[in-house]
N, C-alpha and C. Protein backbone atom coordinates (compact mmCIF):
# COMPACT_ATOMS: atom_id res chain seq x y z
N SER A 1 13.00 226.77 -27.11
CA SER A 1 13.73 225.88 -28.03
C SER A 1 15.21 226.19 -27.98
N GLY A 2 16.01 225.27 -28.45
CA GLY A 2 17.46 225.47 -28.48
C GLY A 2 17.85 226.66 -29.33
N HIS A 3 17.13 226.84 -30.44
CA HIS A 3 17.44 227.95 -31.35
C HIS A 3 17.20 229.29 -30.65
N ARG A 4 16.08 229.37 -29.93
CA ARG A 4 15.75 230.61 -29.22
C ARG A 4 16.79 230.87 -28.12
N ARG A 5 17.18 229.81 -27.44
CA ARG A 5 18.17 229.95 -26.37
C ARG A 5 19.51 230.44 -26.93
N SER A 6 19.89 229.90 -28.08
CA SER A 6 21.13 230.33 -28.72
C SER A 6 21.06 231.80 -29.12
N ARG A 7 19.90 232.22 -29.66
CA ARG A 7 19.74 233.63 -30.06
C ARG A 7 19.78 234.56 -28.84
N SER A 8 19.18 234.12 -27.72
CA SER A 8 19.20 234.99 -26.54
C SER A 8 20.62 235.10 -25.99
N CYS A 9 21.39 234.01 -26.06
CA CYS A 9 22.80 234.07 -25.66
C CYS A 9 23.57 235.02 -26.57
N PHE A 10 23.25 234.96 -27.85
CA PHE A 10 23.94 235.81 -28.82
C PHE A 10 23.67 237.29 -28.51
N GLN A 11 22.44 237.59 -28.08
CA GLN A 11 22.13 238.97 -27.72
C GLN A 11 22.95 239.43 -26.51
N LEU A 12 23.27 238.49 -25.62
CA LEU A 12 24.08 238.83 -24.45
C LEU A 12 25.52 239.15 -24.84
N VAL A 13 26.06 238.44 -25.82
CA VAL A 13 27.48 238.62 -26.16
C VAL A 13 27.71 239.71 -27.21
N GLN A 14 26.70 240.03 -28.01
CA GLN A 14 26.90 241.02 -29.07
C GLN A 14 27.51 242.34 -28.60
N PRO A 15 27.04 242.92 -27.47
CA PRO A 15 27.65 244.19 -27.04
C PRO A 15 29.13 244.06 -26.71
N ARG A 16 29.60 242.85 -26.47
CA ARG A 16 31.02 242.65 -26.13
C ARG A 16 31.87 242.37 -27.37
N LEU A 17 31.23 242.24 -28.51
CA LEU A 17 31.98 242.05 -29.75
C LEU A 17 32.34 243.42 -30.32
N PRO A 18 33.56 243.55 -30.87
CA PRO A 18 33.88 244.80 -31.56
C PRO A 18 32.85 245.04 -32.67
N ALA A 19 32.48 246.29 -32.89
CA ALA A 19 31.44 246.62 -33.87
C ALA A 19 31.75 246.01 -35.24
N THR A 20 33.02 245.99 -35.60
CA THR A 20 33.41 245.46 -36.92
C THR A 20 33.19 243.95 -37.03
N MET A 21 33.04 243.27 -35.89
CA MET A 21 32.90 241.81 -35.92
C MET A 21 31.45 241.33 -35.84
N ARG A 22 30.55 242.22 -35.43
CA ARG A 22 29.18 241.76 -35.15
C ARG A 22 28.52 241.11 -36.35
N SER A 23 28.82 241.58 -37.55
CA SER A 23 28.20 241.00 -38.74
C SER A 23 28.91 239.72 -39.19
N LEU A 24 30.04 239.40 -38.55
CA LEU A 24 30.85 238.25 -38.97
C LEU A 24 30.62 237.02 -38.10
N VAL A 25 29.76 237.14 -37.10
CA VAL A 25 29.55 236.05 -36.15
C VAL A 25 28.08 235.64 -36.15
N ARG A 26 27.84 234.32 -36.11
CA ARG A 26 26.47 233.79 -36.08
C ARG A 26 26.33 232.83 -34.90
N PRO A 27 25.18 232.83 -34.25
CA PRO A 27 24.97 231.86 -33.17
C PRO A 27 24.75 230.46 -33.73
N GLY A 28 25.27 229.48 -33.03
CA GLY A 28 25.09 228.09 -33.43
C GLY A 28 24.41 227.30 -32.33
N PRO A 29 24.46 225.99 -32.43
CA PRO A 29 23.74 225.14 -31.48
C PRO A 29 24.36 225.14 -30.08
N ILE A 30 23.52 224.82 -29.10
CA ILE A 30 23.98 224.59 -27.73
C ILE A 30 23.83 223.09 -27.49
N ASP A 31 24.93 222.44 -27.15
CA ASP A 31 24.92 221.00 -27.00
C ASP A 31 25.66 220.59 -25.73
N GLU A 32 24.93 220.07 -24.76
CA GLU A 32 25.51 219.59 -23.50
C GLU A 32 26.47 220.60 -22.86
N GLY A 33 25.99 221.82 -22.69
CA GLY A 33 26.78 222.83 -21.99
C GLY A 33 27.82 223.53 -22.85
N CYS A 34 27.86 223.21 -24.14
CA CYS A 34 28.80 223.87 -25.04
C CYS A 34 28.02 224.59 -26.14
N TRP A 35 28.32 225.85 -26.31
CA TRP A 35 27.65 226.67 -27.32
C TRP A 35 28.62 226.90 -28.46
N THR A 36 28.15 226.75 -29.68
CA THR A 36 29.01 226.98 -30.85
C THR A 36 28.69 228.33 -31.46
N LEU A 37 29.74 229.09 -31.75
CA LEU A 37 29.61 230.33 -32.51
C LEU A 37 30.29 230.11 -33.86
N PHE A 38 29.67 230.62 -34.91
CA PHE A 38 30.24 230.50 -36.25
C PHE A 38 30.82 231.84 -36.68
N ALA A 39 32.03 231.80 -37.21
CA ALA A 39 32.69 233.00 -37.72
C ALA A 39 32.76 232.92 -39.24
N GLU A 40 32.67 234.07 -39.90
CA GLU A 40 32.68 234.12 -41.36
C GLU A 40 33.99 233.64 -41.98
N HIS A 41 35.10 233.91 -41.29
CA HIS A 41 36.41 233.52 -41.84
C HIS A 41 37.42 233.32 -40.72
N ALA A 42 38.60 232.83 -41.08
CA ALA A 42 39.62 232.46 -40.09
C ALA A 42 40.05 233.64 -39.22
N ALA A 43 40.20 234.82 -39.82
CA ALA A 43 40.63 235.99 -39.03
C ALA A 43 39.59 236.34 -37.97
N ALA A 44 38.32 236.28 -38.35
CA ALA A 44 37.25 236.57 -37.37
C ALA A 44 37.22 235.49 -36.29
N ALA A 45 37.44 234.24 -36.68
CA ALA A 45 37.44 233.14 -35.71
C ALA A 45 38.57 233.32 -34.71
N SER A 46 39.72 233.73 -35.20
CA SER A 46 40.89 233.94 -34.34
C SER A 46 40.61 235.03 -33.31
N LYS A 47 40.06 236.14 -33.75
CA LYS A 47 39.73 237.25 -32.85
C LYS A 47 38.65 236.80 -31.84
N LEU A 48 37.67 236.06 -32.34
CA LEU A 48 36.58 235.59 -31.49
C LEU A 48 37.13 234.70 -30.36
N ARG A 49 38.09 233.85 -30.71
CA ARG A 49 38.67 232.96 -29.69
C ARG A 49 39.35 233.76 -28.58
N GLN A 50 39.94 234.91 -28.93
CA GLN A 50 40.58 235.75 -27.91
C GLN A 50 39.54 236.32 -26.95
N LEU A 51 38.31 236.48 -27.43
CA LEU A 51 37.25 237.09 -26.62
C LEU A 51 36.45 236.07 -25.82
N LEU A 52 36.72 234.78 -25.99
CA LEU A 52 35.88 233.75 -25.37
C LEU A 52 35.71 233.89 -23.86
N PRO A 53 36.76 234.18 -23.09
CA PRO A 53 36.54 234.32 -21.63
C PRO A 53 35.52 235.42 -21.32
N LEU A 54 35.61 236.53 -22.03
CA LEU A 54 34.68 237.65 -21.85
C LEU A 54 33.26 237.24 -22.24
N LEU A 55 33.14 236.53 -23.37
CA LEU A 55 31.82 236.11 -23.86
C LEU A 55 31.20 235.08 -22.93
N LEU A 56 32.02 234.17 -22.42
CA LEU A 56 31.52 233.14 -21.51
C LEU A 56 31.00 233.79 -20.22
N ASP A 57 31.71 234.81 -19.73
CA ASP A 57 31.24 235.54 -18.55
C ASP A 57 29.87 236.16 -18.81
N ALA A 58 29.71 236.74 -19.98
CA ALA A 58 28.45 237.41 -20.33
C ALA A 58 27.29 236.41 -20.37
N VAL A 59 27.54 235.24 -20.91
CA VAL A 59 26.50 234.22 -21.07
C VAL A 59 26.19 233.55 -19.73
N ALA A 60 27.21 233.35 -18.91
CA ALA A 60 27.05 232.60 -17.66
C ALA A 60 26.05 233.25 -16.71
N VAL A 61 25.90 234.56 -16.81
CA VAL A 61 24.97 235.28 -15.94
C VAL A 61 23.55 234.76 -16.14
N ARG A 62 23.15 234.56 -17.39
CA ARG A 62 21.79 234.14 -17.67
C ARG A 62 21.67 232.66 -18.01
N GLU A 63 22.77 232.06 -18.45
CA GLU A 63 22.76 230.65 -18.87
C GLU A 63 23.88 229.88 -18.15
N PRO A 64 23.72 229.65 -16.83
CA PRO A 64 24.80 229.00 -16.09
C PRO A 64 25.13 227.59 -16.58
N GLY A 65 24.23 226.99 -17.36
CA GLY A 65 24.49 225.65 -17.88
C GLY A 65 25.53 225.62 -18.99
N ILE A 66 25.83 226.79 -19.57
CA ILE A 66 26.83 226.83 -20.64
C ILE A 66 28.20 227.01 -20.01
N LYS A 67 29.04 225.99 -20.21
CA LYS A 67 30.36 225.98 -19.57
C LYS A 67 31.48 226.24 -20.57
N ASP A 68 31.15 226.19 -21.87
CA ASP A 68 32.19 226.32 -22.88
C ASP A 68 31.60 226.91 -24.15
N ILE A 69 32.43 227.61 -24.91
CA ILE A 69 32.03 228.13 -26.22
C ILE A 69 33.06 227.66 -27.23
N LYS A 70 32.56 227.08 -28.32
CA LYS A 70 33.43 226.64 -29.42
C LYS A 70 33.27 227.61 -30.57
N VAL A 71 34.35 227.82 -31.31
CA VAL A 71 34.30 228.67 -32.49
C VAL A 71 34.56 227.82 -33.72
N LYS A 72 33.67 227.93 -34.69
CA LYS A 72 33.86 227.23 -35.96
C LYS A 72 33.76 228.24 -37.10
N ILE A 73 34.44 227.93 -38.18
CA ILE A 73 34.40 228.81 -39.34
C ILE A 73 33.27 228.33 -40.26
N LEU A 74 32.45 229.28 -40.68
CA LEU A 74 31.35 228.94 -41.58
C LEU A 74 31.93 228.43 -42.91
N PRO A 75 31.31 227.41 -43.48
CA PRO A 75 31.77 226.99 -44.81
C PRO A 75 31.54 228.12 -45.81
N ALA A 76 32.45 228.27 -46.72
CA ALA A 76 32.33 229.32 -47.74
C ALA A 76 31.07 229.07 -48.57
N SER A 77 30.29 230.12 -48.74
CA SER A 77 29.09 229.97 -49.57
C SER A 77 29.47 230.29 -51.01
N SER A 78 29.15 229.38 -51.90
CA SER A 78 29.55 229.60 -53.30
C SER A 78 28.41 230.18 -54.10
C-alpha cells in the first residue's frame, strides 16, 4: 500500500536526520513520484529542506520512482 511504501521510505531517511529532528518529521503520501514529508514547525521544515538532496539519495536506492520530496508543515494541533 502507499502508506506502507511511505513508511519504508521514512525508515531509509531517518538515519540521515539529525537525532533532534527525528521526532519532528512524519512521512506523508507518495503521489506520482513525489513524496511528502511533514514537519512539526517552520524551523524543522527549513532544516528538512536543506537535507532534501541527501534524503532523496537515500530513498532513490530502494524507490527509484520517487523523483522529488516536498516538505509541508503540519497544521497546529489545538
